[in-house]
Structure formats: structure tokens, C-alpha cells
Amino acid sequence: MTKAALLPSSFLRKLFMGRIAFAVALVFLIASPLVVFHPARAGDITFSREKLTIQLPDGKNISFNVEVATTEAQRQHGLMFRRAMPRDAGMLFLFDKEQELHFWMKNTYLPLDMLFVRADGVIVRIAPMTTPRSLSPVHSGEPCVAVIELNGGEAQKRGIIPGSRAIYPAFKPQTSR
């Protein structure tokens, strides 16, 4: 008589099913972080990196290295899933025409300052320290052509206020007649 024959078949069935359940749970625990936080997810969409200058009303210039989002896919992805960003970095979201803009912080883990910019480069509104992962919309308040996202608190630390001007080729300053 074999050892298996000494054990009741219901016990063997439970033992076998328990091992299968354990193996499935183990595979899920190992694989789920790879699916949810896999670095390729952020790397699927690429951005150009360019210099953007913000000129304060007193004439002082502050430079940032920004990633530029011009396509719908880039704008939808934005800074989602980022856990850190250098102090002098940010993202510039460019749109084809001035319009009322609405942003949210879904899957964005960093608090951000959102600077809403008209076509002439003038910053008309700053939404400071937006709440990470919030689905509440953040509105421009008036037609804008761009949003600059910086680390939360950077606008205040650097003295950026509404009326400051973003200097970048896409912005066309108004000329006086």
C-alpha cells in the first residue's frame, strides 16, 4: 500500500487545491507591481525637452527645463506616475488655440503648481500646490493656450505671479500699435 492510499482523497484534493491557490496568489503578488508600476508605462510616451524662461514683472528671468506635450496622447499622460522631478524641471502643455482649460491630477503623485498661459505668454492664473491624485478639475478661468506644471510651491518660492511672462517660441507677445 502506498502512502497516498493511506490519506483520504478529500484531504489530497484540498492539499492540491491549496497549492494551486497559493501558486496563483504568488504569481499575482509578483506580477501586479510590474503591471501597475512598470517603468515602461511612463516610457511609452516620449517628450522633447526644451528650455522655457519665465520673466517676472521686475524683469528677472528664471529658466526651467521642460518636457513639451503637444499631442493629445502626451497631454493626457503628462506627469502621471512620476514620483520625483528636479526643482528646475516642469512640463509645458501646448494647445492649438486659446480655450478654457481644465486639468486634473489623476495618477499624478506630485503636488504641482499649474500656470495658465495666454497666447501672448502672459501667465493669467496660478493654481498652487494642486492635490495629488485628485479628480477635481483645475480651471484656467479664461481662454489660454498653454499650461506650465512645476513642482508644487516653486511659483511662490521663485516669485512667479500672474502677469509674469513665459518666453518660448510658441508664445507671441502682443505688439503695441
C-alpha atoms as a PDB file:
ATOM      1  CA  MET A   1       0.000   0.000   0.000  1.00  0.00           C
ATOM      2  CA  THR A   2       1.338   3.457  -0.912  1.00  0.00           C
ATOM      3  CA  LYS A   3       1.354   6.496   1.340  1.00  0.00           C
ATOM      4  CA  ALA A   4      -1.216   8.201  -0.875  1.00  0.00           C
ATOM      5  CA  ALA A   5      -3.644   5.383  -0.280  1.00  0.00           C
ATOM      6  CA  LEU A   6      -3.370   5.942   3.481  1.00  0.00           C
ATOM      7  CA  LEU A   7      -4.633   9.539   3.159  1.00  0.00           C
ATOM      8  CA  PRO A   8      -8.292  10.255   2.401  1.00  0.00           C
ATOM      9  CA  SER A   9      -8.898  11.529  -1.131  1.00  0.00           C
ATOM     10  CA  SER A  10     -10.687  14.679   0.154  1.00  0.00           C
ATOM     11  CA  PHE A  11      -7.521  15.618   2.076  1.00  0.00           C
ATOM     12  CA  LEU A  12      -5.392  15.173  -1.049  1.00  0.00           C
ATOM     13  CA  ARG A  13      -7.820  17.212  -3.105  1.00  0.00           C
ATOM     14  CA  LYS A  14      -7.755  20.085  -0.547  1.00  0.00           C
ATOM     15  CA  LEU A  15      -3.970  19.939  -0.343  1.00  0.00           C
ATOM     16  CA  PHE A  16      -3.658  20.052  -4.136  1.00  0.00           C
ATOM     17  CA  MET A  17      -6.194  22.907  -4.484  1.00  0.00           C
ATOM     18  CA  GLY A  18      -4.464  24.806  -1.686  1.00  0.00           C
ATOM     19  CA  ARG A  19      -1.152  24.594  -3.510  1.00  0.00           C
ATOM     20  CA  ILE A  20      -2.748  25.816  -6.746  1.00  0.00           C
ATOM     21  CA  ALA A  21      -4.392  28.736  -4.941  1.00  0.00           C
ATOM     22  CA  PHE A  22      -1.071  29.577  -3.271  1.00  0.00           C
ATOM     23  CA  ALA A  23       0.765  29.456  -6.619  1.00  0.00           C
ATOM     24  CA  VAL A  24      -1.834  31.712  -8.285  1.00  0.00           C
ATOM     25  CA  ALA A  25      -1.674  34.181  -5.389  1.00  0.00           C
ATOM     26  CA  LEU A  26       2.123  34.188  -5.518  1.00  0.00           C
ATOM     27  CA  VAL A  27       2.157  34.867  -9.267  1.00  0.00           C
ATOM     28  CA  PHE A  28      -0.361  37.706  -8.792  1.00  0.00           C
ATOM     29  CA  LEU A  29       1.673  39.281  -5.985  1.00  0.00           C
ATOM     30  CA  ILE A  30       4.854  39.146  -8.021  1.00  0.00           C
ATOM     31  CA  ALA A  31       3.310  40.302 -11.320  1.00  0.00           C
ATOM     32  CA  SER A  32       0.888  43.025 -10.150  1.00  0.00           C
ATOM     33  CA  PRO A  33       3.545  45.628  -9.249  1.00  0.00           C
ATOM     34  CA  LEU A  34       5.100  45.058 -12.663  1.00  0.00           C
ATOM     35  CA  VAL A  35       1.796  45.798 -14.379  1.00  0.00           C
ATOM     36  CA  VAL A  36       0.824  48.785 -12.225  1.00  0.00           C
ATOM     37  CA  PHE A  37       4.224  50.469 -11.756  1.00  0.00           C
ATOM     38  CA  HIS A  38       6.273  49.166 -14.669  1.00  0.00           C
ATOM     39  CA  PRO A  39       8.648  51.928 -15.827  1.00  0.00           C
ATOM     40  CA  ALA A  40       7.807  51.243 -19.496  1.00  0.00           C
ATOM     41  CA  ARG A  41       4.332  52.585 -18.801  1.00  0.00           C
ATOM     42  CA  ALA A  42       5.756  56.083 -18.362  1.00  0.00           C
ATOM     43  CA  GLY A  43       8.260  55.496 -21.150  1.00  0.00           C
ATOM     44  CA  ASP A  44       5.664  54.585 -23.776  1.00  0.00           C
ATOM     45  CA  ILE A  45       5.144  58.270 -24.481  1.00  0.00           C
ATOM     46  CA  THR A  46       8.173  60.443 -25.083  1.00  0.00           C
ATOM     47  CA  PHE A  47       8.510  64.213 -24.772  1.00  0.00           C
ATOM     48  CA  SER A  48      11.002  66.678 -26.181  1.00  0.00           C
ATOM     49  CA  ARG A  49      12.964  68.578 -23.524  1.00  0.00           C
ATOM     50  CA  GLU A  50      13.417  72.285 -24.039  1.00  0.00           C
ATOM     51  CA  LYS A  51      14.279  75.474 -22.180  1.00  0.00           C
ATOM     52  CA  LEU A  52      11.472  77.769 -21.079  1.00  0.00           C
ATOM     53  CA  THR A  53      12.068  81.122 -19.401  1.00  0.00           C
ATOM     54  CA  ILE A  54       9.664  82.940 -17.122  1.00  0.00           C
ATOM     55  CA  GLN A  55      10.201  86.674 -16.885  1.00  0.00           C
ATOM     56  CA  LEU A  56       8.968  88.219 -13.654  1.00  0.00           C
ATOM     57  CA  PRO A  57       7.338  91.683 -13.705  1.00  0.00           C
ATOM     58  CA  ASP A  58      10.616  93.150 -12.311  1.00  0.00           C
ATOM     59  CA  GLY A  59      12.495  91.803 -15.367  1.00  0.00           C
ATOM     60  CA  LYS A  60      14.241  88.891 -13.612  1.00  0.00           C
ATOM     61  CA  ASN A  61      14.394  85.714 -15.750  1.00  0.00           C
ATOM     62  CA  ILE A  62      14.002  82.184 -14.372  1.00  0.00           C
ATOM     63  CA  SER A  63      14.822  79.194 -16.593  1.00  0.00           C
ATOM     64  CA  PHE A  64      13.231  75.765 -16.490  1.00  0.00           C
ATOM     65  CA  ASN A  65      13.954  72.581 -18.424  1.00  0.00           C
ATOM     66  CA  VAL A  66      10.521  71.449 -19.525  1.00  0.00           C
ATOM     67  CA  GLU A  67       9.131  68.434 -21.280  1.00  0.00           C
ATOM     68  CA  VAL A  68       6.782  69.595 -24.026  1.00  0.00           C
ATOM     69  CA  ALA A  69       3.389  67.955 -24.562  1.00  0.00           C
ATOM     70  CA  THR A  70       1.855  68.849 -27.927  1.00  0.00           C
ATOM     71  CA  THR A  71      -0.098  65.728 -28.926  1.00  0.00           C
ATOM     72  CA  GLU A  72      -3.327  64.553 -27.335  1.00  0.00           C
ATOM     73  CA  ALA A  73      -1.608  61.392 -26.033  1.00  0.00           C
ATOM     74  CA  GLN A  74       1.216  63.427 -24.481  1.00  0.00           C
ATOM     75  CA  ARG A  75      -1.223  65.880 -22.885  1.00  0.00           C
ATOM     76  CA  GLN A  76      -3.342  63.054 -21.475  1.00  0.00           C
ATOM     77  CA  HIS A  77      -0.291  61.344 -19.945  1.00  0.00           C
ATOM     78  CA  GLY A  78       1.520  64.426 -18.679  1.00  0.00           C
ATOM     79  CA  LEU A  79       3.377  63.872 -15.415  1.00  0.00           C
ATOM     80  CA  MET A  80       1.330  60.850 -14.347  1.00  0.00           C
ATOM     81  CA  PHE A  81       3.154  58.156 -12.381  1.00  0.00           C
ATOM     82  CA  ARG A  82       6.171  60.385 -11.644  1.00  0.00           C
ATOM     83  CA  ARG A  83       7.468  60.177  -8.096  1.00  0.00           C
ATOM     84  CA  ALA A  84      10.038  62.999  -8.295  1.00  0.00           C
ATOM     85  CA  MET A  85      11.042  65.888 -10.535  1.00  0.00           C
ATOM     86  CA  PRO A  86      14.096  68.171 -10.374  1.00  0.00           C
ATOM     87  CA  ARG A  87      13.459  71.657  -8.988  1.00  0.00           C
ATOM     88  CA  ASP A  88      14.230  73.353 -12.313  1.00  0.00           C
ATOM     89  CA  ALA A  89      12.058  70.953 -14.339  1.00  0.00           C
ATOM     90  CA  GLY A  90       8.456  71.022 -15.438  1.00  0.00           C
ATOM     91  CA  MET A  91       6.077  70.256 -18.254  1.00  0.00           C
ATOM     92  CA  LEU A  92       4.643  72.591 -20.881  1.00  0.00           C
ATOM     93  CA  PHE A  93       1.255  71.612 -22.317  1.00  0.00           C
ATOM     94  CA  LEU A  94       0.628  73.405 -25.626  1.00  0.00           C
ATOM     95  CA  PHE A  95      -2.742  73.645 -27.376  1.00  0.00           C
ATOM     96  CA  ASP A  96      -3.554  74.767 -30.936  1.00  0.00           C
ATOM     97  CA  LYS A  97      -5.826  77.639 -29.913  1.00  0.00           C
ATOM     98  CA  GLU A  98      -6.825  79.618 -26.861  1.00  0.00           C
ATOM     99  CA  GLN A  99      -9.590  77.926 -24.913  1.00  0.00           C
ATOM    100  CA  GLU A 100     -10.824  77.452 -21.372  1.00  0.00           C
ATOM    101  CA  LEU A 101      -8.560  74.700 -19.999  1.00  0.00           C
ATOM    102  CA  HIS A 102      -9.419  72.128 -17.345  1.00  0.00           C
ATOM    103  CA  PHE A 103      -6.780  69.884 -15.785  1.00  0.00           C
ATOM    104  CA  TRP A 104      -6.894  67.221 -13.088  1.00  0.00           C
ATOM    105  CA  MET A 105      -4.321  65.256 -11.109  1.00  0.00           C
ATOM    106  CA  LYS A 106      -5.402  61.672 -11.807  1.00  0.00           C
ATOM    107  CA  ASN A 107      -2.439  59.314 -11.270  1.00  0.00           C
ATOM    108  CA  THR A 108      -0.160  62.291 -10.595  1.00  0.00           C
ATOM    109  CA  TYR A 109       1.728  61.692  -7.361  1.00  0.00           C
ATOM    110  CA  LEU A 110       3.479  65.070  -7.079  1.00  0.00           C
ATOM    111  CA  PRO A 111       1.817  68.279  -5.886  1.00  0.00           C
ATOM    112  CA  LEU A 112       2.147  70.731  -8.748  1.00  0.00           C
ATOM    113  CA  ASP A 113       1.783  74.436  -9.450  1.00  0.00           C
ATOM    114  CA  MET A 114      -0.265  74.936 -12.627  1.00  0.00           C
ATOM    115  CA  LEU A 115       0.481  78.149 -14.512  1.00  0.00           C
ATOM    116  CA  PHE A 116      -2.144  79.024 -17.118  1.00  0.00           C
ATOM    117  CA  VAL A 117      -0.722  80.973 -20.064  1.00  0.00           C
ATOM    118  CA  ARG A 118      -2.342  83.077 -22.813  1.00  0.00           C
ATOM    119  CA  ALA A 119      -1.131  83.042 -26.426  1.00  0.00           C
ATOM    120  CA  ASP A 120       0.972  86.157 -25.736  1.00  0.00           C
ATOM    121  CA  GLY A 121       2.873  84.305 -22.990  1.00  0.00           C
ATOM    122  CA  VAL A 122       1.297  86.142 -20.053  1.00  0.00           C
ATOM    123  CA  ILE A 123       0.570  83.929 -17.055  1.00  0.00           C
ATOM    124  CA  VAL A 124      -3.022  84.735 -16.090  1.00  0.00           C
ATOM    125  CA  ARG A 125      -3.633  82.268 -13.274  1.00  0.00           C
ATOM    126  CA  ILE A 126      -1.602  80.080 -10.944  1.00  0.00           C
ATOM    127  CA  ALA A 127      -3.187  77.098  -9.213  1.00  0.00           C
ATOM    128  CA  PRO A 128      -0.662  76.428  -6.427  1.00  0.00           C
ATOM    129  CA  MET A 129       0.042  73.078  -4.764  1.00  0.00           C
ATOM    130  CA  THR A 130      -2.636  71.078  -6.574  1.00  0.00           C
ATOM    131  CA  THR A 131      -3.710  67.938  -4.739  1.00  0.00           C
ATOM    132  CA  PRO A 132      -2.022  64.728  -5.953  1.00  0.00           C
ATOM    133  CA  ARG A 133      -4.358  62.115  -7.474  1.00  0.00           C
ATOM    134  CA  SER A 134      -7.386  64.439  -7.264  1.00  0.00           C
ATOM    135  CA  LEU A 135     -10.123  64.163  -9.863  1.00  0.00           C
ATOM    136  CA  SER A 136     -11.364  67.692  -9.140  1.00  0.00           C
ATOM    137  CA  PRO A 137     -10.848  69.890 -12.200  1.00  0.00           C
ATOM    138  CA  VAL A 138      -8.474  72.845 -12.067  1.00  0.00           C
ATOM    139  CA  HIS A 139      -9.727  75.597 -14.397  1.00  0.00           C
ATOM    140  CA  SER A 140      -7.805  78.271 -16.269  1.00  0.00           C
ATOM    141  CA  GLY A 141     -10.520  80.858 -15.604  1.00  0.00           C
ATOM    142  CA  GLU A 142     -10.120  82.368 -19.076  1.00  0.00           C
ATOM    143  CA  PRO A 143      -9.014  81.248 -22.533  1.00  0.00           C
ATOM    144  CA  CYS A 144      -5.398  80.036 -22.521  1.00  0.00           C
ATOM    145  CA  VAL A 145      -3.132  78.254 -24.966  1.00  0.00           C
ATOM    146  CA  ALA A 146      -0.799  76.547 -22.506  1.00  0.00           C
ATOM    147  CA  VAL A 147      -0.266  75.218 -19.016  1.00  0.00           C
ATOM    148  CA  ILE A 148       3.104  75.007 -17.323  1.00  0.00           C
ATOM    149  CA  GLU A 149       3.356  72.485 -14.489  1.00  0.00           C
ATOM    150  CA  LEU A 150       6.116  72.980 -11.923  1.00  0.00           C
ATOM    151  CA  ASN A 151       6.840  71.291  -8.613  1.00  0.00           C
ATOM    152  CA  GLY A 152       4.346  72.404  -6.007  1.00  0.00           C
ATOM    153  CA  GLY A 153       5.451  75.599  -4.273  1.00  0.00           C
ATOM    154  CA  GLU A 154       8.028  76.607  -6.922  1.00  0.00           C
ATOM    155  CA  ALA A 155       5.985  79.528  -8.228  1.00  0.00           C
ATOM    156  CA  GLN A 156       5.803  81.116  -4.782  1.00  0.00           C
ATOM    157  CA  LYS A 157       9.456  80.327  -3.937  1.00  0.00           C
ATOM    158  CA  ARG A 158      10.633  81.979  -7.148  1.00  0.00           C
ATOM    159  CA  GLY A 159       8.264  84.942  -7.115  1.00  0.00           C
ATOM    160  CA  ILE A 160       6.238  83.876 -10.161  1.00  0.00           C
ATOM    161  CA  ILE A 161       2.905  85.683 -10.127  1.00  0.00           C
ATOM    162  CA  PRO A 162       0.065  86.342 -12.587  1.00  0.00           C
ATOM    163  CA  GLY A 163       1.400  88.916 -15.029  1.00  0.00           C
ATOM    164  CA  SER A 164       4.768  87.159 -15.306  1.00  0.00           C
ATOM    165  CA  ARG A 165       5.583  86.204 -18.900  1.00  0.00           C
ATOM    166  CA  ALA A 166       6.536  82.789 -20.284  1.00  0.00           C
ATOM    167  CA  ILE A 167       9.166  83.124 -23.011  1.00  0.00           C
ATOM    168  CA  TYR A 168       9.027  80.281 -25.510  1.00  0.00           C
ATOM    169  CA  PRO A 169       8.754  80.207 -29.344  1.00  0.00           C
ATOM    170  CA  ALA A 170       5.048  79.216 -29.277  1.00  0.00           C
ATOM    171  CA  PHE A 171       4.107  82.414 -27.416  1.00  0.00           C
ATOM    172  CA  LYS A 172       3.747  85.599 -29.458  1.00  0.00           C
ATOM    173  CA  PRO A 173       3.937  88.784 -27.374  1.00  0.00           C
ATOM    174  CA  GLN A 174       1.433  91.439 -28.350  1.00  0.00           C
ATOM    175  CA  THR A 175       2.956  94.410 -30.132  1.00  0.00           C
ATOM    176  CA  SER A 176       1.702  97.908 -29.399  1.00  0.00           C
ATOM    177  CA  ARG A 177       0.492  99.994 -32.292  1.00  0.00           C
END
